[in-house]
């Protein structure tokens, strides 16, 4: 059974001998959390500086026994130099235990005039149920201005993910063309780049992650104007 807790805040001014009480200043619940579905990686294509982009978000109810009722969420760009987002909640309806729900309407993001085309934008999401905020999460939106076939259609697999120290990349059909692999931080900084001029079929490559801090990174693979964007987690 879901239990809701409320926090009351009382402040006291000793000099003026006054106090102020804010009942129910914060509320939280035993259900959840409801989080952004971690199997979804958001990539916005055909980027133009100053453009507005529309997209939908997927939320997952991690509670396996209780439904999350009347779920709503609003987004905020954590880097205003790259993009801004409207301060408005959008409904997801009810989310059954363990299920995933898509936002009923589209969010939009206003890309900055100076936003680079390969930026990775950190986004905070405030999630509410029964009209009070009870959870926050963070996800990332990757941007690209390449409008071609996604190389992931030829991607055999990237494993293991999450990874401890080594990640393996396999591409089933490379056409023996050059392949460039980049590893980026969540802020968009390229921390690893390597190009393979004469790629073989199938292409198999390992990346040593043992020297990197634990956390979320982005993997970008380019070949002949095509691009693959993915998210990996280092444990």
Protein backbone atom coordinates (compact mmCIF):
# COMPACT_ATOMS: atom_id res chain seq x y z
CA UNK A 1 0.00 0.00 0.00
CA UNK A 2 1.31 3.44 -0.91
CA UNK A 3 2.21 5.73 1.99
CA UNK A 4 2.58 9.49 1.54
CA UNK A 5 4.77 11.54 3.87
CA UNK A 6 4.75 15.32 4.30
CA UNK A 7 7.52 17.54 5.62
CA UNK A 8 6.72 20.71 7.57
CA UNK A 9 9.34 23.48 7.73
CA UNK A 10 9.55 25.91 10.68
CA UNK A 11 12.01 28.82 10.68
CA UNK A 12 12.68 31.02 13.70
CA UNK A 13 14.18 34.51 13.86
CA UNK A 14 15.74 34.76 17.33
CA UNK A 15 16.44 38.48 16.99
CA UNK A 16 12.90 39.43 16.07
CA UNK A 17 11.40 36.64 18.19
CA UNK A 18 9.25 35.51 15.25
CA UNK A 19 8.78 32.22 13.48
CA UNK A 20 7.30 31.02 10.22
CA UNK A 21 5.73 27.67 9.48
CA UNK A 22 5.37 26.10 6.02
CA UNK A 23 3.16 23.02 6.36
CA UNK A 24 3.54 20.34 3.72
CA UNK A 25 6.54 22.07 2.16
CA UNK A 26 7.68 18.79 0.64
CA UNK A 27 5.99 15.46 0.06
CA UNK A 28 7.30 12.06 -0.88
CA UNK A 29 5.96 8.54 -1.14
CA UNK A 30 7.03 4.94 -0.70
CA UNK A 31 6.10 4.12 -4.31
CA UNK A 32 8.68 4.08 -7.04
CA UNK A 33 10.73 5.63 -8.11
CA UNK A 34 9.33 6.51 -11.50
CA UNK A 35 12.33 7.22 -13.72
CA UNK A 36 13.25 7.90 -17.33
CA UNK A 37 13.43 4.58 -19.16
CA UNK A 38 17.16 3.85 -19.33
CA UNK A 39 16.80 1.79 -22.51
CA UNK A 40 15.90 4.91 -24.48
CA UNK A 41 18.61 7.23 -25.80
CA UNK A 42 17.34 10.54 -27.15
CA UNK A 43 19.00 11.74 -30.35
CA UNK A 44 17.75 14.80 -32.23
CA UNK A 45 18.74 14.91 -35.90
CA UNK A 46 18.98 17.64 -38.54
CA UNK A 47 20.06 20.19 -35.96
CA UNK A 48 20.05 23.87 -36.87
CA UNK A 49 21.19 26.58 -34.41
CA UNK A 50 18.19 28.36 -32.91
CA UNK A 51 15.80 25.58 -33.92
CA UNK A 52 12.97 24.18 -31.82
CA UNK A 53 12.77 20.39 -31.58
CA UNK A 54 9.82 18.24 -30.46
CA UNK A 55 10.10 14.80 -28.85
CA UNK A 56 8.38 12.47 -26.38
CA UNK A 57 9.76 10.93 -23.18
CA UNK A 58 9.32 7.40 -21.78
CA UNK A 59 8.95 6.84 -18.02
CA UNK A 60 9.20 3.54 -16.18
CA UNK A 61 7.55 2.64 -12.87
CA UNK A 62 10.16 0.60 -11.02
CA UNK A 63 7.70 -0.39 -8.28
CA UNK A 64 6.52 -3.94 -8.98
CA UNK A 65 3.37 -3.86 -6.83
CA UNK A 66 1.83 -0.37 -6.92
CA UNK A 67 0.64 1.80 -9.79
CA UNK A 68 1.87 5.39 -10.11
CA UNK A 69 -1.27 7.50 -10.47
CA UNK A 70 -1.71 10.65 -12.55
CA UNK A 71 1.97 10.93 -13.41
CA UNK A 72 3.24 14.22 -14.83
CA UNK A 73 6.73 15.50 -15.56
CA UNK A 74 8.50 18.69 -16.58
CA UNK A 75 11.95 19.09 -18.12
CA UNK A 76 14.76 21.57 -17.56
CA UNK A 77 17.99 21.92 -19.53
CA UNK A 78 20.91 21.88 -17.10
CA UNK A 79 23.03 23.88 -19.55
CA UNK A 80 21.18 27.03 -20.62
CA UNK A 81 24.03 27.94 -22.99
CA UNK A 82 23.07 24.92 -25.12
CA UNK A 83 19.29 24.87 -24.89
CA UNK A 84 16.19 25.86 -22.93
CA UNK A 85 12.95 24.02 -22.23
CA UNK A 86 9.48 25.26 -21.22
CA UNK A 87 8.61 25.10 -17.52
CA UNK A 88 5.44 23.04 -17.90
CA UNK A 89 4.22 19.63 -16.79
CA UNK A 90 3.03 17.05 -19.34
CA UNK A 91 0.87 14.07 -18.41
CA UNK A 92 1.80 10.38 -18.68
CA UNK A 93 -1.43 9.08 -17.18
CA UNK A 94 -1.27 6.12 -14.80
CA UNK A 95 1.73 3.78 -14.98
CA UNK A 96 1.15 0.18 -13.91
CA UNK A 97 3.74 -1.66 -11.79
CA UNK A 98 6.92 -2.30 -13.77
CA UNK A 99 5.48 -0.75 -16.93
CA UNK A 100 6.68 2.00 -19.31
CA UNK A 101 4.53 4.95 -20.39
CA UNK A 102 5.06 7.56 -23.12
CA UNK A 103 4.22 11.24 -22.57
CA UNK A 104 0.76 12.02 -23.93
CA UNK A 105 2.01 15.24 -25.54
CA UNK A 106 5.37 16.28 -26.98
CA UNK A 107 8.01 18.25 -25.12
CA UNK A 108 10.03 20.81 -27.01
CA UNK A 109 13.57 22.05 -26.64
CA UNK A 110 14.84 25.41 -27.91
CA UNK A 111 18.35 24.97 -29.25
CA UNK A 112 20.73 27.89 -28.61
CA UNK A 113 22.09 29.83 -31.58
CA UNK A 114 25.59 28.87 -30.44
CA UNK A 115 24.89 25.22 -29.67
CA UNK A 116 27.41 22.93 -31.44
CA UNK A 117 25.96 20.23 -33.68
CA UNK A 118 27.57 17.42 -31.69
CA UNK A 119 26.44 18.61 -28.23
CA UNK A 120 25.16 16.37 -25.47
CA UNK A 121 22.60 18.24 -23.36
CA UNK A 122 21.97 17.16 -19.74
CA UNK A 123 18.29 17.38 -18.82
CA UNK A 124 16.64 17.28 -15.39
CA UNK A 125 13.16 15.82 -15.17
CA UNK A 126 10.84 16.46 -12.20
CA UNK A 127 8.23 13.72 -11.92
CA UNK A 128 4.97 14.12 -10.00
CA UNK A 129 2.10 11.88 -9.00
CA UNK A 130 -1.18 12.93 -7.40
CA UNK A 131 -0.13 16.54 -8.14
CA UNK A 132 3.04 16.64 -6.04
CA UNK A 133 6.65 16.16 -7.09
CA UNK A 134 8.15 13.04 -5.58
CA UNK A 135 11.10 12.13 -7.79
CA UNK A 136 13.69 13.69 -10.06
CA UNK A 137 15.92 12.06 -12.63
CA UNK A 138 18.50 13.13 -15.22
CA UNK A 139 18.93 12.03 -18.82
CA UNK A 140 20.81 13.29 -21.87
CA UNK A 141 19.86 14.45 -25.35
CA UNK A 142 22.43 13.94 -28.08
CA UNK A 143 22.40 16.17 -31.14
CA UNK A 144 23.54 15.42 -34.67
CA UNK A 145 23.07 17.13 -38.02
CA UNK A 146 23.56 13.94 -40.02
CA UNK A 147 20.46 12.76 -41.84
CA UNK A 148 21.46 9.35 -43.18
CA UNK A 149 20.90 5.68 -42.51
CA UNK A 150 21.82 4.80 -38.94
CA UNK A 151 24.87 2.55 -38.87
CA UNK A 152 23.22 0.68 -35.98
CA UNK A 153 21.25 -1.28 -38.61
CA UNK A 154 24.55 -3.04 -39.31
CA UNK A 155 25.68 -3.10 -35.67
CA UNK A 156 25.98 -6.62 -34.34
CA UNK A 157 26.37 -5.69 -30.70
CA UNK A 158 28.12 -3.57 -28.07
CA UNK A 159 28.86 -5.50 -24.90
CA UNK A 160 28.98 -5.69 -21.96
CA UNK A 161 26.87 -2.68 -21.01
CA UNK A 162 27.21 -1.73 -18.17
CA UNK A 163 30.93 -2.43 -18.37
CA UNK A 164 33.67 -2.73 -15.75
CA UNK A 165 36.82 -2.19 -17.80
CA UNK A 166 36.45 -3.44 -21.39
CA UNK A 167 33.71 -2.81 -23.94
CA UNK A 168 33.50 -4.75 -27.22
CA UNK A 169 32.19 -3.31 -30.49
CA UNK A 170 31.14 -5.58 -33.36
CA UNK A 171 29.92 -4.44 -36.80
CA UNK A 172 28.69 -7.21 -39.05
CA UNK A 173 29.08 -5.55 -42.46
CA UNK A 174 31.56 -2.67 -42.72
CA UNK A 175 32.07 -2.62 -46.47
CA UNK A 176 35.78 -2.41 -45.54
CA UNK A 177 35.46 1.36 -45.22
CA UNK A 178 37.11 3.60 -42.63
CA UNK A 179 35.50 3.67 -39.18
CA UNK A 180 35.91 6.37 -36.54
CA UNK A 181 35.07 5.65 -32.89
CA UNK A 182 34.62 8.38 -30.27
CA UNK A 183 33.84 8.24 -26.57
CA UNK A 184 32.28 11.37 -25.04
CA UNK A 185 31.45 12.57 -21.56
CA UNK A 186 27.92 13.71 -20.75
CA UNK A 187 29.07 17.30 -21.29
CA UNK A 188 30.10 16.47 -24.87
CA UNK A 189 33.88 16.34 -24.34
CA UNK A 190 35.61 13.79 -26.58
CA UNK A 191 37.90 11.72 -24.36
CA UNK A 192 38.69 8.92 -26.82
CA UNK A 193 38.98 8.93 -30.60
CA UNK A 194 40.45 6.37 -32.96
CA UNK A 195 40.15 5.83 -36.71
CA UNK A 196 40.49 2.51 -38.48
CA UNK A 197 41.39 3.03 -42.15
CA UNK A 198 41.10 -0.52 -43.45
CA UNK A 199 38.26 -2.04 -41.49
CA UNK A 200 37.77 -5.76 -41.85
CA UNK A 201 34.58 -7.77 -42.01
CA UNK A 202 33.33 -8.43 -39.43
CA UNK A 203 34.83 -5.50 -37.51
CA UNK A 204 35.66 -6.30 -33.87
CA UNK A 205 37.29 -3.77 -31.54
CA UNK A 206 37.80 -3.40 -27.78
CA UNK A 207 38.01 -0.15 -25.79
CA UNK A 208 39.76 -0.15 -22.43
CA UNK A 209 37.60 1.79 -19.95
CA UNK A 210 39.63 1.02 -16.84
CA UNK A 211 41.16 4.51 -16.76
CA UNK A 212 37.80 6.32 -16.79
CA UNK A 213 35.63 7.30 -13.85
CA UNK A 214 32.39 5.45 -13.21
CA UNK A 215 29.34 6.97 -14.84
CA UNK A 216 27.51 7.51 -18.13
CA UNK A 217 29.37 8.04 -21.42
CA UNK A 218 28.31 8.35 -25.05
CA UNK A 219 29.68 6.28 -27.90
CA UNK A 220 29.73 7.70 -31.43
CA UNK A 221 30.72 5.63 -34.46
CA UNK A 222 31.03 7.18 -37.94
CA UNK A 223 31.45 5.46 -41.27
CA UNK A 224 30.94 6.95 -44.76
CA UNK A 225 28.65 9.75 -43.58
CA UNK A 226 26.61 7.43 -41.37
CA UNK A 227 26.56 7.69 -37.59
CA UNK A 228 25.70 5.55 -34.60
CA UNK A 229 25.01 7.20 -31.22
CA UNK A 230 24.75 5.10 -28.10
CA UNK A 231 25.01 5.31 -24.32
CA UNK A 232 27.30 3.14 -22.21
CA UNK A 233 27.67 2.89 -18.44
CA UNK A 234 30.98 2.31 -16.67
CA UNK A 235 30.54 0.58 -13.31
